[in-house]
Amino acid sequence: MQYTEKCVSKKNATGFYVCHEKSKKVQLRGNIFHCREGGYISQIDVCNDVLDCPGNSDFSDEWNCVCSETQVFSYTDHCFLHCRNSVFLDHRYCMCSPLLYRSHAGQCLMYMCTCTPLTKHSNKVSTSGRDDDFIKCSNSFLLDRSMLNDLVVDCEKYVDDEPALISLLKREDFLFCENAGQIPCTEGHTKCYNISEICQYKINKFLHLTPCRNGDHLKNCGVYECNMMFKCPNSYCILWEYVCDSHWDCPTGIDESKLYCDHTSLCDQMFKCRGSYRVCIHLGHLCDGYENCPLKDDESFCELLDVNCPQYCHCVALAISCIQGKNVFGDIQFPFISLTLYFSRNFPVNKLFTKFPNVQYLQIRNLKYICGKILTKKLTLISVEYNLLTEITHQCF
């Protein structure tokens, strides 16, 4: 298909035009941990007895994980007591900081939401079994509906899955894209792709090339610049998680060469996927609604993506611990489910839950009165130890 070029004013343009857009800075917040030597990992992988940071010499994700008897628990991060001391191997002797909770097995664990957010794309094949999820070939083969009119015949000689292609080859119909801003994978066919997908090599859950299974969107990519992706020399762009994943994705296989895969700086300034030695993704793909990492850790703690831990506070996963005699939370709401406060006696507790509507576990120290305070309906446990309370009356809460 050929496109003609004509210079017109932007308001009269009917085709595509190249425009400038301001660069966006990736915000690094409470959902990831910054390793000492430059890489990033999920908060889940900090202090888990495994060296998760990229490189052979970066141990920063396992530092400060054991605290001393004299260390103040209120102002520590992942610190727990005795659990890793060779004298106290039994988890029954564990003492956890307020930012961790003690499990039934005695381990100090992070506060995490058990809910699984919906994503735009999953690597799992649908097993719902609904009839409208599939198309049936004349030879009784069942195909996923996404394979209908994808320019590749899957029903063998019956060609039931490619009516648009057959019509085009017979020159019966010359069809167009549903959206005017798209480009057809083959001229006259309804299978189309967005201009943002030009030169982007991606494989779907069926290991098929997408969006154009015939590869038409990967033509003429020699001088195309890649944004947040790996550039195959003189060719298309691939996702960073495809680099050094033991699969040849670039035409020359350079994505699996020792030039990259044996280099310790492969994941420098990128997010290293959990459970992998070399699979990394660009920071811009964190919490974008797509599961890029094999264990989906790039989509974890996304509720913390826009959250900065307040001044005078320490935050780990969905827990926060603060020590200050004044309100430092500003005018925003926080998603934390565990809240520990070491505040002055006159702190306005009544206004607390407008800032923390999701709190389930609460510990406040230095309180003189607690009855009559407005508590959140989600609150499951409240600790009243280390306070100045003299009595808790009937129907206090």
Protein backbone atom coordinates (compact mmCIF):
# COMPACT_ATOMS: atom_id res chain seq x y z
CA MET A 1 0.00 0.00 0.00
CA GLN A 2 1.37 3.43 -0.92
CA TYR A 3 0.80 6.69 0.96
CA THR A 4 1.23 10.04 -0.73
CA GLU A 5 2.84 12.94 1.09
CA LYS A 6 1.32 16.41 1.01
CA CYS A 7 2.00 19.36 3.28
CA VAL A 8 -1.18 20.90 4.65
CA SER A 9 -2.11 22.71 7.85
CA LYS A 10 -2.68 20.49 10.88
CA LYS A 11 -6.39 21.30 11.06
CA ASN A 12 -6.88 20.14 7.47
CA ALA A 13 -4.79 16.96 7.80
CA THR A 14 -6.63 13.71 6.99
CA GLY A 15 -3.70 11.28 7.23
CA PHE A 16 -0.82 10.84 9.65
CA TYR A 17 1.59 13.51 10.76
CA VAL A 18 4.65 13.49 13.01
CA CYS A 19 4.35 15.64 16.09
CA HIS A 20 6.52 16.50 19.07
CA GLU A 21 5.49 15.36 22.52
CA LYS A 22 7.07 16.29 25.83
CA SER A 23 9.10 13.48 27.36
CA LYS A 24 7.59 11.91 30.47
CA LYS A 25 9.75 11.19 33.48
CA VAL A 26 9.20 7.80 35.08
CA GLN A 27 8.08 8.25 38.69
CA LEU A 28 9.80 5.86 41.12
CA ARG A 29 7.63 5.48 44.19
CA GLY A 30 6.90 2.96 46.94
CA ASN A 31 6.17 0.00 44.68
CA ILE A 32 9.80 -0.75 43.79
CA PHE A 33 13.19 -0.97 45.51
CA HIS A 34 16.25 0.80 44.10
CA CYS A 35 19.29 -1.48 44.26
CA ARG A 36 22.66 0.03 45.17
CA GLU A 37 24.25 -0.69 41.79
CA GLY A 38 21.45 0.80 39.71
CA GLY A 39 18.78 -1.83 39.07
CA TYR A 40 15.27 -2.07 40.48
CA ILE A 41 13.23 -4.93 41.96
CA SER A 42 9.78 -5.35 43.49
CA GLN A 43 9.26 -4.52 47.16
CA ILE A 44 8.17 -8.13 47.65
CA ASP A 45 11.72 -9.32 47.05
CA VAL A 46 13.41 -7.23 49.75
CA CYS A 47 14.67 -9.19 52.79
CA ASN A 48 13.52 -12.56 51.50
CA ASP A 49 16.84 -14.43 52.02
CA VAL A 50 17.51 -14.28 48.25
CA LEU A 51 19.85 -11.89 46.42
CA ASP A 52 17.42 -10.42 43.88
CA CYS A 53 19.24 -7.25 42.81
CA PRO A 54 20.92 -7.58 39.40
CA GLY A 55 24.63 -8.24 39.27
CA ASN A 56 26.86 -10.57 41.25
CA SER A 57 27.95 -8.06 43.87
CA ASP A 58 24.78 -6.12 44.77
CA PHE A 59 23.49 -7.33 48.16
CA SER A 60 21.55 -4.18 49.03
CA ASP A 61 18.13 -5.90 48.99
CA GLU A 62 19.29 -8.04 51.94
CA TRP A 63 20.88 -5.28 54.01
CA ASN A 64 19.37 -3.98 57.28
CA CYS A 65 17.11 -6.99 57.53
CA VAL A 66 18.20 -7.96 61.04
CA CYS A 67 18.01 -5.45 63.88
CA SER A 68 19.72 -5.40 67.26
CA GLU A 69 18.18 -5.57 70.71
CA THR A 70 18.71 -1.83 71.17
CA GLN A 71 17.35 -0.72 67.81
CA VAL A 72 14.14 1.32 67.97
CA PHE A 73 11.48 -0.68 66.16
CA SER A 74 9.37 2.38 65.42
CA TYR A 75 11.85 3.77 62.93
CA THR A 76 13.08 0.73 61.01
CA ASP A 77 12.19 -0.66 57.61
CA HIS A 78 12.32 -4.41 57.01
CA CYS A 79 14.06 -5.04 60.31
CA PHE A 80 13.19 -8.07 62.41
CA LEU A 81 14.85 -9.47 65.50
CA HIS A 82 16.58 -12.85 65.99
CA CYS A 83 15.02 -14.50 62.92
CA ARG A 84 18.34 -14.84 61.12
CA ASN A 85 20.60 -15.21 64.12
CA SER A 86 22.19 -18.66 64.12
CA VAL A 87 21.37 -19.02 67.83
CA PHE A 88 17.65 -18.44 67.23
CA LEU A 89 16.74 -20.45 64.14
CA ASP A 90 13.27 -21.16 65.52
CA HIS A 91 10.80 -18.58 64.15
CA ARG A 92 8.99 -18.61 67.50
CA TYR A 93 11.65 -16.19 68.71
CA CYS A 94 10.99 -13.68 65.94
CA MET A 95 10.06 -10.11 66.79
CA CYS A 96 8.83 -8.03 63.87
CA SER A 97 9.01 -4.32 63.27
CA PRO A 98 5.68 -2.46 62.97
CA LEU A 99 6.10 -2.52 59.19
CA LEU A 100 5.89 -6.33 59.15
CA TYR A 101 3.48 -8.80 60.71
CA ARG A 102 4.23 -12.11 62.42
CA SER A 103 2.64 -15.07 60.66
CA HIS A 104 1.31 -18.24 62.30
CA ALA A 105 4.62 -19.85 61.38
CA GLY A 106 6.45 -17.09 63.22
CA GLN A 107 7.89 -15.36 60.17
CA CYS A 108 8.02 -11.60 59.66
CA LEU A 109 6.12 -10.84 56.45
CA MET A 110 5.03 -7.76 54.52
CA TYR A 111 1.50 -6.39 54.47
CA MET A 112 0.11 -7.06 51.01
CA CYS A 113 -3.31 -6.97 49.40
CA THR A 114 -4.65 -10.42 48.49
CA CYS A 115 -6.71 -9.04 45.63
CA THR A 116 -5.52 -9.50 42.04
CA PRO A 117 -6.02 -6.42 39.84
CA LEU A 118 -7.40 -6.88 36.37
CA THR A 119 -4.88 -6.35 33.59
CA LYS A 120 -5.28 -5.53 29.95
CA HIS A 121 -3.31 -8.56 28.89
CA SER A 122 -2.61 -11.93 30.46
CA ASN A 123 -0.32 -14.71 29.28
CA LYS A 124 -2.87 -17.31 30.33
CA VAL A 125 -5.09 -18.92 27.72
CA SER A 126 -8.78 -18.52 28.46
CA THR A 127 -10.39 -21.64 29.92
CA SER A 128 -13.89 -20.26 30.34
CA GLY A 129 -15.23 -22.67 27.74
CA ARG A 130 -17.90 -20.30 26.46
CA ASP A 131 -19.01 -20.96 22.89
CA ASP A 132 -18.45 -17.35 21.84
CA ASP A 133 -14.76 -17.63 22.79
CA PHE A 134 -14.12 -20.04 19.92
CA ILE A 135 -14.80 -20.66 16.25
CA LYS A 136 -15.36 -24.18 14.91
CA CYS A 137 -13.73 -25.33 11.69
CA SER A 138 -15.37 -27.74 9.24
CA ASN A 139 -12.84 -30.35 10.35
CA SER A 140 -14.12 -29.90 13.96
CA PHE A 141 -11.03 -27.98 15.10
CA LEU A 142 -11.78 -25.35 17.76
CA LEU A 143 -9.88 -22.08 17.42
CA ASP A 144 -9.73 -19.07 19.67
CA ARG A 145 -11.83 -16.25 18.22
CA SER A 146 -8.73 -14.03 18.01
CA MET A 147 -7.54 -16.25 15.13
CA LEU A 148 -10.52 -15.26 12.96
CA ASN A 149 -9.37 -13.16 9.98
CA ASP A 150 -5.76 -12.90 11.20
CA LEU A 151 -4.32 -13.53 7.69
CA VAL A 152 -3.06 -17.06 8.53
CA VAL A 153 -5.13 -20.17 7.80
CA ASP A 154 -5.58 -22.41 10.87
CA CYS A 155 -8.54 -24.55 9.71
CA GLU A 156 -6.28 -26.26 7.16
CA LYS A 157 -7.87 -26.81 3.72
CA TYR A 158 -11.33 -25.62 4.85
CA VAL A 159 -10.16 -22.01 5.40
CA ASP A 160 -13.21 -21.32 7.60
CA ASP A 161 -11.22 -18.90 9.74
CA GLU A 162 -10.20 -16.55 6.90
CA PRO A 163 -13.35 -15.33 5.06
CA ALA A 164 -11.96 -11.80 4.65
CA LEU A 165 -8.75 -13.12 3.07
CA ILE A 166 -10.65 -15.40 0.66
CA SER A 167 -12.90 -12.50 -0.34
CA LEU A 168 -9.86 -10.30 -0.94
CA LEU A 169 -8.07 -12.93 -3.05
CA LYS A 170 -11.21 -13.41 -5.16
CA ARG A 171 -11.39 -9.61 -5.48
CA GLU A 172 -14.97 -9.68 -4.25
CA ASP A 173 -14.52 -7.05 -1.53
CA PHE A 174 -11.95 -4.35 -0.81
CA LEU A 175 -12.34 -3.66 2.90
CA PHE A 176 -11.05 -0.93 5.19
CA CYS A 177 -10.00 -0.55 8.82
CA GLU A 178 -12.76 0.18 11.30
CA ASN A 179 -10.80 3.13 12.71
CA ALA A 180 -9.54 5.80 10.35
CA GLY A 181 -6.30 6.17 12.29
CA GLN A 182 -5.19 2.57 11.70
CA ILE A 183 -3.09 0.86 9.04
CA PRO A 184 -4.15 -2.43 7.38
CA CYS A 185 -1.89 -5.48 7.74
CA THR A 186 -2.69 -6.16 4.09
CA GLU A 187 -4.26 -3.60 1.78
CA GLY A 188 -7.99 -4.26 1.45
CA HIS A 189 -8.18 -6.42 4.62
CA THR A 190 -9.89 -5.64 7.93
CA LYS A 191 -6.96 -6.76 10.10
CA CYS A 192 -5.34 -3.46 11.11
CA TYR A 193 -2.92 -2.02 13.64
CA ASN A 194 -2.27 1.30 15.34
CA ILE A 195 0.48 3.59 14.14
CA SER A 196 2.11 3.23 17.58
CA GLU A 197 2.64 -0.49 16.84
CA ILE A 198 4.83 0.07 13.79
CA CYS A 199 8.07 -1.94 14.04
CA GLN A 200 7.14 -3.47 17.41
CA TYR A 201 7.75 -7.22 17.56
CA LYS A 202 5.41 -8.87 20.06
CA ILE A 203 4.21 -12.43 20.62
CA ASN A 204 0.74 -13.14 22.02
CA LYS A 205 -0.40 -15.93 24.34
CA PHE A 206 -0.62 -18.36 21.40
CA LEU A 207 2.99 -17.56 20.41
CA HIS A 208 1.70 -15.79 17.32
CA LEU A 209 3.15 -12.56 16.01
CA THR A 210 0.90 -9.60 16.84
CA PRO A 211 -0.78 -7.32 15.75
CA CYS A 212 -0.07 -8.49 12.18
CA ARG A 213 0.50 -12.21 12.12
CA ASN A 214 1.88 -11.87 8.60
CA GLY A 215 4.54 -9.46 9.90
CA ASP A 216 3.53 -6.54 7.69
CA HIS A 217 3.99 -4.06 10.57
CA LEU A 218 7.69 -5.04 10.79
CA LYS A 219 8.66 -3.94 7.28
CA ASN A 220 11.12 -1.11 6.60
CA CYS A 221 12.28 -0.81 10.23
CA GLY A 222 16.00 -0.41 9.61
CA VAL A 223 16.26 3.21 10.76
CA TYR A 224 13.26 3.17 13.08
CA GLU A 225 14.06 4.36 16.62
CA CYS A 226 12.80 2.23 19.53
CA ASN A 227 11.09 3.75 22.56
CA MET A 228 11.49 1.73 25.79
CA MET A 229 12.36 -1.33 23.69
CA PHE A 230 15.46 -3.18 22.45
CA LYS A 231 16.56 -2.33 18.93
CA CYS A 232 17.50 -5.28 16.74
CA PRO A 233 20.31 -3.95 14.49
CA ASN A 234 18.88 -2.65 11.20
CA SER A 235 15.53 -4.17 12.06
CA TYR A 236 12.48 -3.99 14.36
CA CYS A 237 12.11 -3.43 18.12
CA ILE A 238 11.49 -6.13 20.74
CA LEU A 239 10.39 -5.90 24.37
CA TRP A 240 13.25 -5.94 26.87
CA GLU A 241 11.86 -9.06 28.52
CA TYR A 242 12.56 -10.89 25.25
CA VAL A 243 16.28 -10.17 25.60
CA CYS A 244 18.26 -13.13 27.03
CA ASP A 245 15.13 -15.22 27.58
CA SER A 246 16.59 -18.21 25.68
CA HIS A 247 14.41 -17.49 22.62
CA TRP A 248 15.75 -16.00 19.38
CA ASP A 249 13.61 -12.92 18.61
CA CYS A 250 15.88 -10.64 16.56
CA PRO A 251 16.50 -11.76 12.95
CA THR A 252 20.19 -12.35 13.70
CA GLY A 253 19.65 -13.67 17.25
CA ILE A 254 21.74 -10.89 18.79
CA ASP A 255 19.20 -10.62 21.64
CA GLU A 256 20.55 -13.96 22.91
CA SER A 257 24.25 -13.28 22.28
CA LYS A 258 26.96 -13.22 24.94
CA LEU A 259 27.43 -9.54 24.13
CA TYR A 260 24.33 -8.85 26.25
CA CYS A 261 23.54 -11.99 28.19
CA ASP A 262 26.95 -12.37 29.86
CA HIS A 263 27.20 -8.70 30.74
CA THR A 264 26.52 -7.76 34.38
CA SER A 265 25.05 -4.38 33.40
CA LEU A 266 22.18 -5.90 31.37
CA CYS A 267 19.56 -4.77 33.91
CA ASP A 268 21.19 -1.45 34.76
CA GLN A 269 18.51 1.19 35.42
CA MET A 270 15.79 -1.34 34.58
CA PHE A 271 13.38 -3.50 36.56
CA LYS A 272 14.59 -7.06 37.14
CA CYS A 273 11.80 -9.64 37.09
CA ARG A 274 11.48 -11.95 40.07
CA GLY A 275 12.83 -15.47 39.83
CA SER A 276 14.98 -14.68 36.80
CA TYR A 277 18.66 -13.99 36.34
CA ARG A 278 18.50 -11.80 33.23
CA VAL A 279 14.88 -10.96 32.38
CA CYS A 280 14.40 -7.21 32.79
CA ILE A 281 11.87 -4.65 31.60
CA HIS A 282 11.93 -0.92 31.04
CA LEU A 283 10.69 1.12 34.02
CA GLY A 284 8.07 2.69 31.80
CA HIS A 285 6.32 -0.70 31.55
CA LEU A 286 5.74 -1.01 35.30
CA CYS A 287 2.06 -0.96 36.27
CA ASP A 288 0.94 -0.32 32.70
CA GLY A 289 -1.79 -2.98 32.86
CA TYR A 290 0.26 -5.57 30.95
CA GLU A 291 1.94 -8.56 32.59
CA ASN A 292 5.48 -8.36 31.20
CA CYS A 293 7.38 -10.36 33.85
CA PRO A 294 6.92 -14.15 34.00
CA LEU A 295 5.66 -13.96 37.61
CA LYS A 296 3.72 -10.71 37.02
CA ASP A 297 5.69 -8.79 39.67
CA ASP A 298 5.79 -5.76 37.36
CA GLU A 299 2.08 -5.32 38.20
CA SER A 300 2.42 -5.64 41.99
CA PHE A 301 1.90 -2.79 44.48
CA CYS A 302 0.56 -0.57 41.72
CA GLU A 303 -1.62 1.22 44.26
CA LEU A 304 1.64 2.75 45.53
CA LEU A 305 2.69 4.03 42.11
CA ASP A 306 1.59 7.61 42.86
CA VAL A 307 2.45 7.55 46.57
CA ASN A 308 5.47 9.14 48.18
CA CYS A 309 6.23 8.01 51.73
CA PRO A 310 5.59 11.13 53.89
CA GLN A 311 8.31 12.91 55.80
CA TYR A 312 9.10 11.40 59.24
CA CYS A 313 7.58 8.08 58.08
CA HIS A 314 8.89 4.74 56.87
CA CYS A 315 6.92 2.66 54.37
CA VAL A 316 7.25 -0.96 53.32
CA ALA A 317 4.72 -2.45 50.89
CA LEU A 318 1.26 -1.55 52.29
CA ALA A 319 2.47 -0.64 55.80
CA ILE A 320 3.46 2.77 57.15
CA SER A 321 5.04 3.80 60.45
CA CYS A 322 5.37 7.48 61.43
CA ILE A 323 6.99 9.27 64.33
CA GLN A 324 6.22 12.97 64.58
CA GLY A 325 4.13 15.28 66.71
CA LYS A 326 2.28 16.98 63.89
CA ASN A 327 0.20 16.13 60.86
CA VAL A 328 2.54 15.38 57.95
CA PHE A 329 0.07 13.74 55.58
CA GLY A 330 -1.13 16.75 53.61
CA ASP A 331 -4.37 16.60 51.63
CA ILE A 332 -4.04 13.23 49.89
CA GLN A 333 -5.32 9.74 50.70
CA PHE A 334 -3.02 6.75 51.18
CA PRO A 335 -3.67 3.09 50.28
CA PHE A 336 -1.86 1.55 53.29
CA ILE A 337 -3.63 -1.23 55.20
CA SER A 338 -1.31 -1.18 58.25
CA LEU A 339 -0.76 2.06 60.15
CA THR A 340 1.51 2.65 63.17
CA LEU A 341 1.70 6.15 64.66
CA TYR A 342 3.94 7.56 67.38
CA PHE A 343 2.33 10.97 67.65
CA SER A 344 1.76 13.56 70.33
CA ARG A 345 -1.31 13.24 72.55
CA ASN A 346 -3.25 15.98 70.77
CA PHE A 347 -3.08 14.39 67.31
CA PRO A 348 -6.57 14.64 65.66
CA VAL A 349 -7.43 10.92 65.43
CA ASN A 350 -10.95 11.75 64.20
CA LYS A 351 -9.49 13.04 60.93
CA LEU A 352 -7.05 10.17 60.57
CA PHE A 353 -9.21 7.83 58.52
CA THR A 354 -9.98 10.42 55.88
CA LYS A 355 -6.28 10.04 55.01
CA PHE A 356 -6.16 6.24 55.45
CA PRO A 357 -9.56 4.83 54.39
CA ASN A 358 -8.21 1.29 53.79
CA VAL A 359 -6.53 0.72 57.17
CA GLN A 360 -7.23 -2.72 58.63
CA TYR A 361 -4.48 -2.88 61.30
CA LEU A 362 -3.94 0.14 63.53
CA GLN A 363 -1.50 0.93 66.32
CA ILE A 364 -1.35 4.41 67.88
CA ARG A 365 0.81 5.28 70.84
CA ASN A 366 0.60 8.12 73.38
CA LEU A 367 -3.21 8.24 73.32
CA LYS A 368 -5.03 9.34 76.47
CA TYR A 369 -8.56 8.78 75.13
CA ILE A 370 -9.78 6.51 72.40
CA CYS A 371 -13.51 6.06 72.99
CA GLY A 372 -15.69 8.05 70.66
CA LYS A 373 -13.06 8.22 67.94
CA ILE A 374 -14.34 7.74 64.41
CA LEU A 375 -12.83 4.50 63.09
CA THR A 376 -12.94 3.07 59.59
CA LYS A 377 -15.35 0.21 58.85
CA LYS A 378 -12.47 -1.81 57.36
CA LEU A 379 -10.56 -1.83 60.65
CA THR A 380 -9.92 -5.43 61.75
CA LEU A 381 -7.41 -5.05 64.59
CA ILE A 382 -6.44 -2.14 66.81
CA SER A 383 -3.55 -2.28 69.26
CA VAL A 384 -3.90 -0.05 72.33
CA GLU A 385 -0.70 -1.03 74.12
CA TYR A 386 1.93 1.58 75.03
CA ASN A 387 -0.71 4.25 75.62
CA LEU A 388 -1.92 6.40 78.50
CA LEU A 389 -5.40 4.87 78.53
CA THR A 390 -6.96 4.34 81.95
CA GLU A 391 -10.18 2.63 80.86
CA ILE A 392 -12.12 1.41 77.83
CA THR A 393 -15.84 1.69 78.46
CA HIS A 394 -18.68 -0.51 77.24
CA GLN A 395 -19.59 0.24 73.63
CA CYS A 396 -16.45 2.35 73.31
CA PHE A 397 -16.22 1.91 69.55
